[in-house]
Amino acid sequence: MISDTHGLHRKLALPNADILIHAGDFCLQGTLEEVQDFADWLASCPHQHKIVVAGNHDLAFEQTPDEAQSCLQNVAHYLQDSGITLEGIHFWGAPWTPKFFNYAFMRPRGEAMRPCWAAIPTETQVLITHGPAFACLDTTLNGTHAGCEALSERLTHLPHLKWHIHGHIHESYGVQAQGAERYSINASSCRWGEEGLNPPIVLQWYLDT
């Protein structure tokens, strides 16, 4: 699991895994050229399945969606308010975050965010959003919780959810248990104000037999 690589994806040392997930912000400026470079790198990765969600820096996916999505065609499963079932696991992906300056896939904080999450199916087991839920690995450098309150409320209505994978807040990289069987995973690769990259996060999913 990776996120917020901001053009530095080629510097990552990826571990072996069945599914590679990127939770958005693979671009820095959001150009189609950056998207194509990311797609070329992604195509070279050996993982059997690849899932991608856009982030606020991936502006091409909002400004020129057909061209941007075509770069990932036959390379990865691009999820934008959509889902896929792989290996019997139900995934759902969405790019939205509360408004912060003038970036992509942003809505005003509060009531305007609720429709962004309403479509998440109740059977979702792995949720991939670019931004975190409120108070779940969302703390900025100044101690502010930047996560989405509306998303946090929606999570309470997803009884089958096991993993919520996100990024966006570089300072809160890591894994946090949310009860006995649910985890919040901030997979931000770039560090805030520091050189170097955080390592990809690897988790094991045990399939029912």
N, C-alpha and C. Protein backbone atom coordinates (compact mmCIF):
# COMPACT_ATOMS: atom_id res chain seq x y z
N MET A 1 0.85 -1.18 0.00
CA MET A 1 0.00 0.00 0.00
C MET A 1 0.89 1.24 0.00
N ILE A 2 0.62 2.15 -0.93
CA ILE A 2 1.38 3.38 -1.03
C ILE A 2 0.40 4.52 -1.31
N SER A 3 0.87 5.74 -1.09
CA SER A 3 0.06 6.93 -1.35
C SER A 3 0.99 8.13 -1.37
N ASP A 4 0.53 9.22 -1.97
CA ASP A 4 1.27 10.48 -1.91
C ASP A 4 2.74 10.31 -2.29
N THR A 5 2.95 9.71 -3.44
CA THR A 5 4.31 9.54 -3.95
C THR A 5 4.78 10.79 -4.69
N HIS A 6 3.88 11.58 -5.21
CA HIS A 6 4.18 12.89 -5.82
C HIS A 6 5.34 12.82 -6.82
N GLY A 7 5.28 11.85 -7.72
CA GLY A 7 6.27 11.73 -8.77
C GLY A 7 7.52 10.96 -8.40
N LEU A 8 7.61 10.51 -7.16
CA LEU A 8 8.81 9.81 -6.69
C LEU A 8 8.61 8.30 -6.66
N HIS A 9 7.61 7.80 -7.39
CA HIS A 9 7.29 6.36 -7.34
C HIS A 9 8.46 5.48 -7.73
N ARG A 10 9.32 5.95 -8.63
CA ARG A 10 10.45 5.12 -9.08
C ARG A 10 11.52 4.95 -8.00
N LYS A 11 11.45 5.73 -6.96
CA LYS A 11 12.41 5.61 -5.86
C LYS A 11 11.97 4.61 -4.80
N LEU A 12 10.76 4.08 -4.93
CA LEU A 12 10.24 3.14 -3.94
C LEU A 12 10.81 1.74 -4.16
N ALA A 13 11.05 1.05 -3.08
CA ALA A 13 11.39 -0.38 -3.13
C ALA A 13 10.13 -1.14 -2.76
N LEU A 14 9.46 -1.67 -3.77
CA LEU A 14 8.18 -2.34 -3.53
C LEU A 14 8.38 -3.79 -3.11
N PRO A 15 7.71 -4.23 -2.07
CA PRO A 15 7.79 -5.64 -1.67
C PRO A 15 6.90 -6.50 -2.56
N ASN A 16 7.11 -7.79 -2.51
CA ASN A 16 6.22 -8.71 -3.22
C ASN A 16 4.85 -8.70 -2.56
N ALA A 17 3.82 -8.74 -3.39
CA ALA A 17 2.44 -8.78 -2.89
C ALA A 17 1.53 -9.16 -4.04
N ASP A 18 0.34 -9.61 -3.72
CA ASP A 18 -0.63 -9.93 -4.76
C ASP A 18 -1.31 -8.69 -5.30
N ILE A 19 -1.57 -7.71 -4.42
CA ILE A 19 -2.31 -6.51 -4.81
C ILE A 19 -1.52 -5.28 -4.39
N LEU A 20 -1.30 -4.38 -5.34
CA LEU A 20 -0.66 -3.09 -5.07
C LEU A 20 -1.73 -2.01 -5.09
N ILE A 21 -1.81 -1.24 -4.03
CA ILE A 21 -2.83 -0.20 -3.90
C ILE A 21 -2.16 1.16 -3.75
N HIS A 22 -2.58 2.12 -4.58
CA HIS A 22 -2.11 3.51 -4.46
C HIS A 22 -3.31 4.39 -4.14
N ALA A 23 -3.25 5.09 -3.01
CA ALA A 23 -4.39 5.88 -2.54
C ALA A 23 -4.34 7.34 -2.97
N GLY A 24 -3.66 7.64 -4.07
CA GLY A 24 -3.75 8.97 -4.65
C GLY A 24 -2.56 9.87 -4.41
N ASP A 25 -2.51 10.97 -5.20
CA ASP A 25 -1.40 11.91 -5.23
C ASP A 25 -0.13 11.25 -5.74
N PHE A 26 -0.25 10.59 -6.88
CA PHE A 26 0.95 10.09 -7.57
C PHE A 26 1.57 11.21 -8.39
N CYS A 27 0.83 12.29 -8.63
CA CYS A 27 1.34 13.46 -9.35
C CYS A 27 1.79 14.54 -8.37
N LEU A 28 2.54 15.51 -8.90
CA LEU A 28 2.88 16.71 -8.14
C LEU A 28 2.11 17.90 -8.70
N GLN A 29 2.18 18.08 -10.04
CA GLN A 29 1.48 19.18 -10.69
C GLN A 29 0.13 18.75 -11.26
N GLY A 30 -0.06 17.46 -11.46
CA GLY A 30 -1.34 16.97 -11.96
C GLY A 30 -1.47 16.93 -13.46
N THR A 31 -0.35 16.89 -14.18
CA THR A 31 -0.38 16.90 -15.64
C THR A 31 -0.58 15.50 -16.21
N LEU A 32 -1.03 15.45 -17.47
CA LEU A 32 -1.17 14.17 -18.15
C LEU A 32 0.17 13.48 -18.33
N GLU A 33 1.23 14.27 -18.51
CA GLU A 33 2.56 13.69 -18.64
C GLU A 33 2.95 12.95 -17.36
N GLU A 34 2.62 13.52 -16.22
CA GLU A 34 2.90 12.84 -14.95
C GLU A 34 2.07 11.57 -14.82
N VAL A 35 0.82 11.64 -15.24
CA VAL A 35 -0.04 10.46 -15.17
C VAL A 35 0.52 9.35 -16.04
N GLN A 36 0.98 9.69 -17.24
CA GLN A 36 1.52 8.67 -18.14
C GLN A 36 2.80 8.06 -17.58
N ASP A 37 3.64 8.89 -16.97
CA ASP A 37 4.86 8.36 -16.35
C ASP A 37 4.52 7.40 -15.22
N PHE A 38 3.53 7.76 -14.43
CA PHE A 38 3.09 6.87 -13.35
C PHE A 38 2.55 5.57 -13.91
N ALA A 39 1.76 5.67 -14.98
CA ALA A 39 1.18 4.47 -15.60
C ALA A 39 2.27 3.56 -16.16
N ASP A 40 3.29 4.16 -16.77
CA ASP A 40 4.40 3.36 -17.32
C ASP A 40 5.13 2.62 -16.20
N TRP A 41 5.35 3.30 -15.09
CA TRP A 41 6.00 2.64 -13.95
C TRP A 41 5.11 1.55 -13.39
N LEU A 42 3.83 1.84 -13.26
CA LEU A 42 2.89 0.87 -12.71
C LEU A 42 2.85 -0.39 -13.57
N ALA A 43 2.92 -0.21 -14.88
CA ALA A 43 2.90 -1.36 -15.79
C ALA A 43 4.11 -2.26 -15.59
N SER A 44 5.20 -1.68 -15.11
CA SER A 44 6.42 -2.47 -14.90
C SER A 44 6.42 -3.21 -13.57
N CYS A 45 5.48 -2.89 -12.69
CA CYS A 45 5.42 -3.55 -11.38
C CYS A 45 4.83 -4.95 -11.54
N PRO A 46 5.37 -5.94 -10.84
CA PRO A 46 4.98 -7.33 -11.08
C PRO A 46 3.70 -7.79 -10.39
N HIS A 47 3.07 -6.95 -9.62
CA HIS A 47 1.91 -7.35 -8.83
C HIS A 47 0.75 -7.77 -9.72
N GLN A 48 0.06 -8.82 -9.32
CA GLN A 48 -1.02 -9.37 -10.13
C GLN A 48 -2.17 -8.39 -10.31
N HIS A 49 -2.51 -7.67 -9.25
CA HIS A 49 -3.59 -6.69 -9.30
C HIS A 49 -3.06 -5.34 -8.82
N LYS A 50 -3.54 -4.28 -9.46
CA LYS A 50 -3.17 -2.92 -9.05
C LYS A 50 -4.44 -2.07 -8.98
N ILE A 51 -4.60 -1.37 -7.88
CA ILE A 51 -5.77 -0.52 -7.67
C ILE A 51 -5.28 0.91 -7.43
N VAL A 52 -5.92 1.87 -8.10
CA VAL A 52 -5.51 3.26 -8.00
C VAL A 52 -6.73 4.14 -7.73
N VAL A 53 -6.55 5.07 -6.81
CA VAL A 53 -7.53 6.13 -6.55
C VAL A 53 -6.81 7.46 -6.75
N ALA A 54 -7.47 8.45 -7.31
CA ALA A 54 -6.86 9.77 -7.50
C ALA A 54 -6.85 10.56 -6.19
N GLY A 55 -5.96 11.55 -6.14
CA GLY A 55 -5.90 12.45 -5.00
C GLY A 55 -6.04 13.89 -5.44
N ASN A 56 -5.93 14.81 -4.51
CA ASN A 56 -6.16 16.22 -4.84
C ASN A 56 -5.10 16.80 -5.77
N HIS A 57 -3.90 16.22 -5.81
CA HIS A 57 -2.87 16.69 -6.73
C HIS A 57 -3.02 16.09 -8.13
N ASP A 58 -3.87 15.12 -8.29
CA ASP A 58 -4.02 14.45 -9.58
C ASP A 58 -5.09 15.15 -10.41
N LEU A 59 -4.84 16.42 -10.72
CA LEU A 59 -5.85 17.29 -11.31
C LEU A 59 -6.34 16.80 -12.67
N ALA A 60 -5.51 16.12 -13.43
CA ALA A 60 -5.91 15.66 -14.76
C ALA A 60 -7.14 14.76 -14.70
N PHE A 61 -7.32 14.04 -13.60
CA PHE A 61 -8.46 13.12 -13.49
C PHE A 61 -9.78 13.86 -13.29
N GLU A 62 -9.72 15.12 -12.91
CA GLU A 62 -10.93 15.93 -12.82
C GLU A 62 -11.06 16.86 -14.03
N GLN A 63 -9.94 17.37 -14.54
CA GLN A 63 -9.98 18.33 -15.64
C GLN A 63 -10.13 17.65 -17.00
N THR A 64 -9.43 16.57 -17.21
CA THR A 64 -9.50 15.81 -18.47
C THR A 64 -9.63 14.33 -18.14
N PRO A 65 -10.77 13.93 -17.58
CA PRO A 65 -10.91 12.57 -17.04
C PRO A 65 -10.73 11.46 -18.06
N ASP A 66 -11.25 11.63 -19.27
CA ASP A 66 -11.13 10.56 -20.26
C ASP A 66 -9.68 10.29 -20.61
N GLU A 67 -8.92 11.35 -20.85
CA GLU A 67 -7.52 11.19 -21.21
C GLU A 67 -6.71 10.61 -20.05
N ALA A 68 -6.98 11.10 -18.84
CA ALA A 68 -6.23 10.62 -17.68
C ALA A 68 -6.53 9.15 -17.40
N GLN A 69 -7.81 8.78 -17.43
CA GLN A 69 -8.16 7.40 -17.15
C GLN A 69 -7.66 6.45 -18.23
N SER A 70 -7.57 6.93 -19.46
CA SER A 70 -7.08 6.06 -20.54
C SER A 70 -5.62 5.68 -20.33
N CYS A 71 -4.86 6.52 -19.63
CA CYS A 71 -3.46 6.19 -19.34
C CYS A 71 -3.35 4.93 -18.48
N LEU A 72 -4.34 4.73 -17.63
CA LEU A 72 -4.31 3.58 -16.71
C LEU A 72 -5.06 2.37 -17.25
N GLN A 73 -5.68 2.54 -18.41
CA GLN A 73 -6.42 1.42 -18.99
C GLN A 73 -5.48 0.25 -19.27
N ASN A 74 -5.90 -0.94 -18.90
CA ASN A 74 -5.10 -2.16 -19.06
C ASN A 74 -3.86 -2.19 -18.18
N VAL A 75 -3.75 -1.22 -17.27
CA VAL A 75 -2.61 -1.17 -16.34
C VAL A 75 -3.08 -1.41 -14.91
N ALA A 76 -4.18 -0.76 -14.54
CA ALA A 76 -4.67 -0.83 -13.15
C ALA A 76 -6.18 -0.69 -13.13
N HIS A 77 -6.76 -1.03 -12.00
CA HIS A 77 -8.17 -0.79 -11.75
C HIS A 77 -8.28 0.61 -11.14
N TYR A 78 -8.77 1.56 -11.90
CA TYR A 78 -8.96 2.92 -11.39
C TYR A 78 -10.35 3.03 -10.79
N LEU A 79 -10.41 3.37 -9.52
CA LEU A 79 -11.68 3.45 -8.80
C LEU A 79 -12.01 4.91 -8.48
N GLN A 80 -13.13 5.37 -8.98
CA GLN A 80 -13.64 6.71 -8.67
C GLN A 80 -15.12 6.58 -8.39
N ASP A 81 -15.45 6.55 -7.11
CA ASP A 81 -16.83 6.26 -6.70
C ASP A 81 -17.30 4.96 -7.33
N SER A 82 -16.44 3.98 -7.26
CA SER A 82 -16.72 2.68 -7.88
C SER A 82 -15.98 1.59 -7.11
N GLY A 83 -16.33 0.35 -7.42
CA GLY A 83 -15.74 -0.76 -6.70
C GLY A 83 -15.36 -1.90 -7.60
N ILE A 84 -14.69 -2.87 -7.00
CA ILE A 84 -14.29 -4.08 -7.71
C ILE A 84 -14.12 -5.19 -6.68
N THR A 85 -14.37 -6.40 -7.10
CA THR A 85 -14.14 -7.56 -6.24
C THR A 85 -12.97 -8.35 -6.80
N LEU A 86 -11.92 -8.50 -5.99
CA LEU A 86 -10.73 -9.24 -6.37
C LEU A 86 -10.44 -10.28 -5.30
N GLU A 87 -10.16 -11.49 -5.72
CA GLU A 87 -9.85 -12.57 -4.78
C GLU A 87 -10.95 -12.70 -3.72
N GLY A 88 -12.18 -12.37 -4.10
CA GLY A 88 -13.30 -12.47 -3.17
C GLY A 88 -13.42 -11.33 -2.19
N ILE A 89 -12.58 -10.29 -2.33
CA ILE A 89 -12.58 -9.15 -1.42
C ILE A 89 -13.26 -7.97 -2.12
N HIS A 90 -14.16 -7.30 -1.42
CA HIS A 90 -14.91 -6.17 -1.99
C HIS A 90 -14.18 -4.86 -1.70
N PHE A 91 -13.68 -4.22 -2.77
CA PHE A 91 -12.97 -2.94 -2.67
C PHE A 91 -13.88 -1.81 -3.16
N TRP A 92 -13.70 -0.63 -2.58
CA TRP A 92 -14.37 0.58 -3.06
C TRP A 92 -13.38 1.74 -2.98
N GLY A 93 -13.38 2.59 -4.00
CA GLY A 93 -12.45 3.71 -4.01
C GLY A 93 -13.12 5.03 -4.32
N ALA A 94 -12.64 6.10 -3.68
CA ALA A 94 -13.18 7.44 -3.90
C ALA A 94 -12.09 8.48 -3.63
N PRO A 95 -12.05 9.58 -4.41
CA PRO A 95 -10.94 10.53 -4.32
C PRO A 95 -11.18 11.74 -3.42
N TRP A 96 -12.35 11.92 -2.85
CA TRP A 96 -12.77 13.20 -2.28
C TRP A 96 -12.08 13.55 -0.96
N THR A 97 -11.84 14.86 -0.77
CA THR A 97 -11.32 15.38 0.50
C THR A 97 -11.97 16.74 0.77
N PRO A 98 -12.07 17.14 2.04
CA PRO A 98 -12.58 18.48 2.35
C PRO A 98 -11.72 19.56 1.71
N LYS A 99 -12.34 20.65 1.32
CA LYS A 99 -11.68 21.69 0.53
C LYS A 99 -10.48 22.29 1.26
N PHE A 100 -9.37 22.40 0.49
CA PHE A 100 -8.13 22.99 0.98
C PHE A 100 -7.43 23.59 -0.22
N PHE A 101 -7.45 24.91 -0.35
CA PHE A 101 -6.96 25.61 -1.53
C PHE A 101 -7.73 25.13 -2.77
N ASN A 102 -7.10 25.20 -3.95
CA ASN A 102 -7.82 24.93 -5.20
C ASN A 102 -7.25 23.69 -5.88
N TYR A 103 -7.57 22.53 -5.33
CA TYR A 103 -7.09 21.28 -5.88
C TYR A 103 -8.27 20.45 -6.40
N ALA A 104 -7.99 19.23 -6.79
CA ALA A 104 -9.01 18.37 -7.41
C ALA A 104 -9.82 17.61 -6.35
N PHE A 105 -11.04 17.24 -6.75
CA PHE A 105 -11.91 16.36 -5.95
C PHE A 105 -12.11 16.86 -4.53
N MET A 106 -12.39 18.15 -4.41
CA MET A 106 -12.60 18.74 -3.09
C MET A 106 -13.99 19.34 -3.00
N ARG A 107 -14.58 19.23 -1.81
CA ARG A 107 -15.88 19.80 -1.51
C ARG A 107 -15.79 20.51 -0.15
N PRO A 108 -16.64 21.49 0.10
CA PRO A 108 -16.62 22.15 1.41
C PRO A 108 -16.83 21.14 2.54
N ARG A 109 -16.11 21.36 3.61
CA ARG A 109 -16.22 20.47 4.77
C ARG A 109 -17.64 20.48 5.33
N GLY A 110 -18.09 19.32 5.77
CA GLY A 110 -19.41 19.24 6.40
C GLY A 110 -20.44 18.58 5.52
N GLU A 111 -21.61 19.17 5.44
CA GLU A 111 -22.75 18.55 4.76
C GLU A 111 -22.46 18.26 3.30
N ALA A 112 -21.68 19.10 2.63
CA ALA A 112 -21.38 18.91 1.21
C ALA A 112 -20.58 17.65 0.94
N MET A 113 -19.92 17.11 1.97
CA MET A 113 -19.13 15.90 1.79
C MET A 113 -19.98 14.63 1.87
N ARG A 114 -21.15 14.71 2.46
CA ARG A 114 -21.95 13.50 2.67
C ARG A 114 -22.27 12.75 1.38
N PRO A 115 -22.67 13.44 0.29
CA PRO A 115 -22.96 12.70 -0.94
C PRO A 115 -21.75 11.96 -1.50
N CYS A 116 -20.55 12.41 -1.17
CA CYS A 116 -19.34 11.74 -1.66
C CYS A 116 -19.22 10.33 -1.11
N TRP A 117 -19.79 10.11 0.06
CA TRP A 117 -19.64 8.81 0.74
C TRP A 117 -20.91 7.98 0.72
N ALA A 118 -22.00 8.55 0.30
CA ALA A 118 -23.28 7.85 0.36
C ALA A 118 -23.31 6.60 -0.50
N ALA A 119 -22.52 6.60 -1.58
CA ALA A 119 -22.55 5.48 -2.52
C ALA A 119 -21.74 4.28 -2.06
N ILE A 120 -20.95 4.42 -0.99
CA ILE A 120 -20.13 3.29 -0.55
C ILE A 120 -21.03 2.13 -0.14
N PRO A 121 -20.91 0.97 -0.78
CA PRO A 121 -21.79 -0.16 -0.46
C PRO A 121 -21.54 -0.69 0.95
N THR A 122 -22.58 -1.19 1.57
CA THR A 122 -22.44 -1.72 2.92
C THR A 122 -21.58 -2.98 2.96
N GLU A 123 -21.44 -3.67 1.82
CA GLU A 123 -20.63 -4.90 1.80
C GLU A 123 -19.14 -4.63 1.63
N THR A 124 -18.74 -3.35 1.52
CA THR A 124 -17.33 -3.00 1.33
C THR A 124 -16.47 -3.55 2.46
N GLN A 125 -15.39 -4.21 2.07
CA GLN A 125 -14.43 -4.74 3.05
C GLN A 125 -13.14 -3.94 3.10
N VAL A 126 -12.73 -3.40 1.95
CA VAL A 126 -11.54 -2.55 1.87
C VAL A 126 -11.95 -1.24 1.21
N LEU A 127 -11.85 -0.15 1.95
CA LEU A 127 -12.18 1.17 1.44
C LEU A 127 -10.89 1.93 1.18
N ILE A 128 -10.79 2.51 -0.03
CA ILE A 128 -9.62 3.29 -0.40
C ILE A 128 -10.09 4.71 -0.71
N THR A 129 -9.72 5.65 0.11
CA THR A 129 -10.02 7.05 -0.14
C THR A 129 -8.71 7.82 -0.08
N HIS A 130 -8.67 8.97 -0.76
CA HIS A 130 -7.40 9.71 -0.68
C HIS A 130 -7.19 10.27 0.72
N GLY A 131 -8.23 10.83 1.30
CA GLY A 131 -8.09 11.44 2.61
C GLY A 131 -8.60 10.57 3.73
N PRO A 132 -8.19 10.87 4.95
CA PRO A 132 -8.60 10.08 6.12
C PRO A 132 -9.96 10.50 6.66
N ALA A 133 -10.51 9.65 7.48
CA ALA A 133 -11.67 10.03 8.29
C ALA A 133 -11.19 10.89 9.45
N PHE A 134 -12.10 11.62 10.05
CA PHE A 134 -11.74 12.52 11.15
C PHE A 134 -11.17 11.72 12.33
N ALA A 135 -10.04 12.21 12.85
CA ALA A 135 -9.39 11.63 14.03
C ALA A 135 -8.85 10.22 13.81
N CYS A 136 -8.59 9.88 12.56
CA CYS A 136 -7.99 8.57 12.23
C CYS A 136 -6.74 8.79 11.38
N LEU A 137 -5.60 8.90 12.02
CA LEU A 137 -4.33 9.15 11.32
C LEU A 137 -4.46 10.36 10.40
N ASP A 138 -4.98 11.44 10.98
CA ASP A 138 -5.24 12.67 10.20
C ASP A 138 -4.63 13.90 10.84
N THR A 139 -3.71 13.73 11.79
CA THR A 139 -3.17 14.87 12.53
C THR A 139 -2.06 15.55 11.75
N THR A 140 -2.20 16.87 11.54
CA THR A 140 -1.19 17.64 10.82
C THR A 140 -0.07 18.03 11.77
N LEU A 141 0.93 18.69 11.21
CA LEU A 141 2.11 19.06 11.99
C LEU A 141 1.74 19.99 13.15
N ASN A 142 0.71 20.81 12.97
CA ASN A 142 0.32 21.73 14.04
C ASN A 142 -0.72 21.15 15.00
N GLY A 143 -1.00 19.85 14.86
CA GLY A 143 -1.91 19.18 15.78
C GLY A 143 -3.37 19.21 15.38
N THR A 144 -3.68 19.74 14.20
CA THR A 144 -5.06 19.82 13.74
C THR A 144 -5.51 18.50 13.14
N HIS A 145 -6.74 18.10 13.42
CA HIS A 145 -7.33 16.94 12.76
C HIS A 145 -7.91 17.39 11.42
N ALA A 146 -7.35 16.88 10.31
CA ALA A 146 -7.74 17.32 8.97
C ALA A 146 -8.68 16.34 8.28
N GLY A 147 -9.03 15.24 8.93
CA GLY A 147 -9.88 14.23 8.32
C GLY A 147 -11.32 14.69 8.17
N CYS A 148 -12.08 13.90 7.42
CA CYS A 148 -13.45 14.25 7.07
C CYS A 148 -14.45 13.68 8.08
N GLU A 149 -15.22 14.57 8.70
CA GLU A 149 -16.22 14.15 9.67
C GLU A 149 -17.33 13.32 9.02
N ALA A 150 -17.73 13.72 7.82
CA ALA A 150 -18.80 12.98 7.13
C ALA A 150 -18.36 11.56 6.78
N LEU A 151 -17.10 11.40 6.43
CA LEU A 151 -16.58 10.06 6.15
C LEU A 151 -16.55 9.24 7.43
N SER A 152 -16.13 9.85 8.51
CA SER A 152 -16.10 9.16 9.79
C SER A 152 -17.48 8.64 10.17
N GLU A 153 -18.50 9.45 9.92
CA GLU A 153 -19.88 9.02 10.22
C GLU A 153 -20.30 7.87 9.32
N ARG A 154 -19.92 7.93 8.04
CA ARG A 154 -20.29 6.86 7.10
C ARG A 154 -19.65 5.54 7.48
N LEU A 155 -18.45 5.58 8.02
CA LEU A 155 -17.75 4.35 8.39
C LEU A 155 -18.52 3.56 9.45
N THR A 156 -19.31 4.25 10.24
CA THR A 156 -20.08 3.56 11.29
C THR A 156 -21.20 2.71 10.70
N HIS A 157 -21.48 2.88 9.40
CA HIS A 157 -22.54 2.12 8.74
C HIS A 157 -21.99 1.09 7.75
N LEU A 158 -20.72 0.75 7.91
CA LEU A 158 -20.08 -0.25 7.04
C LEU A 158 -19.67 -1.44 7.89
N PRO A 159 -20.57 -2.37 8.14
CA PRO A 159 -20.31 -3.44 9.11
C PRO A 159 -19.23 -4.43 8.69
N HIS A 160 -18.94 -4.52 7.39
CA HIS A 160 -17.97 -5.51 6.92
C HIS A 160 -16.58 -4.91 6.67
N LEU A 161 -16.43 -3.62 6.90
CA LEU A 161 -15.17 -2.96 6.60
C LEU A 161 -14.06 -3.44 7.53
N LYS A 162 -12.93 -3.83 6.92
CA LYS A 162 -11.75 -4.27 7.69
C LYS A 162 -10.60 -3.28 7.57
N TRP A 163 -10.36 -2.77 6.36
CA TRP A 163 -9.25 -1.85 6.13
C TRP A 163 -9.76 -0.57 5.49
N HIS A 164 -9.36 0.56 6.03
CA HIS A 164 -9.57 1.85 5.38
C HIS A 164 -8.19 2.41 5.03
N ILE A 165 -7.88 2.41 3.75
CA ILE A 165 -6.57 2.81 3.25
C ILE A 165 -6.68 4.23 2.70
N HIS A 166 -5.74 5.09 3.09
CA HIS A 166 -5.77 6.48 2.66
C HIS A 166 -4.36 7.06 2.73
N GLY A 167 -4.27 8.36 2.53
CA GLY A 167 -3.01 9.08 2.63
C GLY A 167 -3.31 10.52 2.97
N HIS A 168 -2.82 11.45 2.10
CA HIS A 168 -3.15 12.88 2.15
C HIS A 168 -2.43 13.63 3.26
N ILE A 169 -2.48 13.13 4.47
CA ILE A 169 -1.82 13.80 5.59
C ILE A 169 -0.49 13.08 5.83
N HIS A 170 0.56 13.63 5.24
CA HIS A 170 1.86 12.95 5.25
C HIS A 170 2.38 12.69 6.66
N GLU A 171 2.05 13.59 7.57
CA GLU A 171 2.61 13.52 8.93
C GLU A 171 2.07 12.35 9.74
N SER A 172 0.98 11.72 9.26
CA SER A 172 0.31 10.68 10.07
C SER A 172 0.43 9.29 9.47
N TYR A 173 1.52 9.05 8.77
CA TYR A 173 1.80 7.72 8.20
C TYR A 173 1.75 6.65 9.28
N GLY A 174 1.16 5.51 8.94
CA GLY A 174 1.15 4.39 9.87
C GLY A 174 -0.14 3.61 9.84
N VAL A 175 -0.26 2.68 10.77
CA VAL A 175 -1.44 1.81 10.89
C VAL A 175 -2.01 1.96 12.30
N GLN A 176 -3.32 2.11 12.37
CA GLN A 176 -3.99 2.31 13.67
C GLN A 176 -5.20 1.38 13.76
N ALA A 177 -5.27 0.61 14.82
CA ALA A 177 -6.42 -0.26 15.04
C ALA A 177 -7.64 0.58 15.40
N GLN A 178 -8.77 0.23 14.79
CA GLN A 178 -10.05 0.87 15.09
C GLN A 178 -10.99 -0.21 15.60
N GLY A 179 -10.75 -0.65 16.80
CA GLY A 179 -11.50 -1.78 17.33
C GLY A 179 -10.74 -3.07 17.09
N ALA A 180 -11.43 -4.19 17.24
CA ALA A 180 -10.78 -5.50 17.20
C ALA A 180 -10.42 -5.95 15.80
N GLU A 181 -11.20 -5.56 14.78
CA GLU A 181 -11.01 -6.14 13.45
C GLU A 181 -10.95 -5.10 12.34
N ARG A 182 -10.78 -3.83 12.67
CA ARG A 182 -10.73 -2.79 11.64
C ARG A 182 -9.47 -1.96 11.82
N TYR A 183 -8.86 -1.58 10.68
CA TYR A 183 -7.63 -0.81 10.72
C TYR A 183 -7.72 0.41 9.81
N SER A 184 -7.22 1.53 10.28
CA SER A 184 -7.00 2.72 9.47
C SER A 184 -5.54 2.71 9.05
N ILE A 185 -5.29 2.88 7.75
CA ILE A 185 -3.94 2.75 7.20
C ILE A 185 -3.60 4.00 6.42
N ASN A 186 -2.72 4.83 6.95
CA ASN A 186 -2.23 6.00 6.23
C ASN A 186 -0.93 5.60 5.54
N ALA A 187 -1.00 5.43 4.22
CA ALA A 187 0.12 4.88 3.46
C ALA A 187 0.97 5.96 2.78
N SER A 188 0.91 7.20 3.27
CA SER A 188 1.66 8.30 2.65
C SER A 188 3.14 7.95 2.52
N SER A 189 3.63 8.03 1.30
CA SER A 189 5.04 7.70 1.05
C SER A 189 5.95 8.89 1.32
N CYS A 190 5.59 10.08 0.81
CA CYS A 190 6.40 11.27 1.06
C CYS A 190 6.23 11.72 2.51
N ARG A 191 7.32 12.21 3.06
CA ARG A 191 7.30 12.72 4.43
C ARG A 191 7.12 14.23 4.41
N TRP A 192 6.53 14.76 5.45
CA TRP A 192 6.30 16.20 5.52
C TRP A 192 7.56 16.91 6.02
N GLY A 193 8.17 17.72 5.14
CA GLY A 193 9.33 18.51 5.53
C GLY A 193 10.60 17.71 5.73
N GLU A 194 10.63 16.47 5.28
CA GLU A 194 11.81 15.63 5.43
C GLU A 194 12.13 14.95 4.11
N GLU A 195 13.41 14.69 3.89
CA GLU A 195 13.80 13.91 2.73
C GLU A 195 13.54 12.44 3.00
N GLY A 196 13.54 11.66 1.93
CA GLY A 196 13.31 10.22 2.06
C GLY A 196 11.85 9.87 1.93
N LEU A 197 11.59 8.58 1.79
CA LEU A 197 10.23 8.08 1.62
C LEU A 197 9.91 7.05 2.69
N ASN A 198 8.68 7.06 3.15
CA ASN A 198 8.22 6.00 4.04
C ASN A 198 8.10 4.70 3.25
N PRO A 199 8.39 3.57 3.86
CA PRO A 199 8.27 2.30 3.14
C PRO A 199 6.81 1.94 2.87
N PRO A 200 6.55 1.21 1.80
CA PRO A 200 5.19 0.71 1.56
C PRO A 200 4.70 -0.10 2.76
N ILE A 201 3.41 -0.04 3.00
CA ILE A 201 2.81 -0.81 4.09
C ILE A 201 2.27 -2.12 3.54
N VAL A 202 2.60 -3.21 4.20
CA VAL A 202 2.17 -4.54 3.76
C VAL A 202 1.33 -5.17 4.85
N LEU A 203 0.13 -5.61 4.48
CA LEU A 203 -0.74 -6.34 5.40
C LEU A 203 -1.18 -7.64 4.75
N GLN A 204 -1.46 -8.62 5.58
CA GLN A 204 -1.90 -9.94 5.11
C GLN A 204 -3.40 -10.07 5.28
N TRP A 205 -4.07 -10.44 4.20
CA TRP A 205 -5.51 -10.71 4.26
C TRP A 205 -5.71 -12.22 4.21
N TYR A 206 -6.39 -12.76 5.20
CA TYR A 206 -6.62 -14.20 5.25
C TYR A 206 -7.98 -14.51 4.62
N LEU A 207 -7.94 -15.19 3.48
CA LEU A 207 -9.16 -15.52 2.76
C LEU A 207 -9.90 -16.64 3.47
N ASP A 208 -11.23 -16.56 3.46
CA ASP A 208 -12.04 -17.64 4.01
C ASP A 208 -11.95 -18.85 3.09
N THR A 209 -11.82 -20.03 3.67
CA THR A 209 -11.72 -21.25 2.86
C THR A 209 -12.88 -22.18 3.18
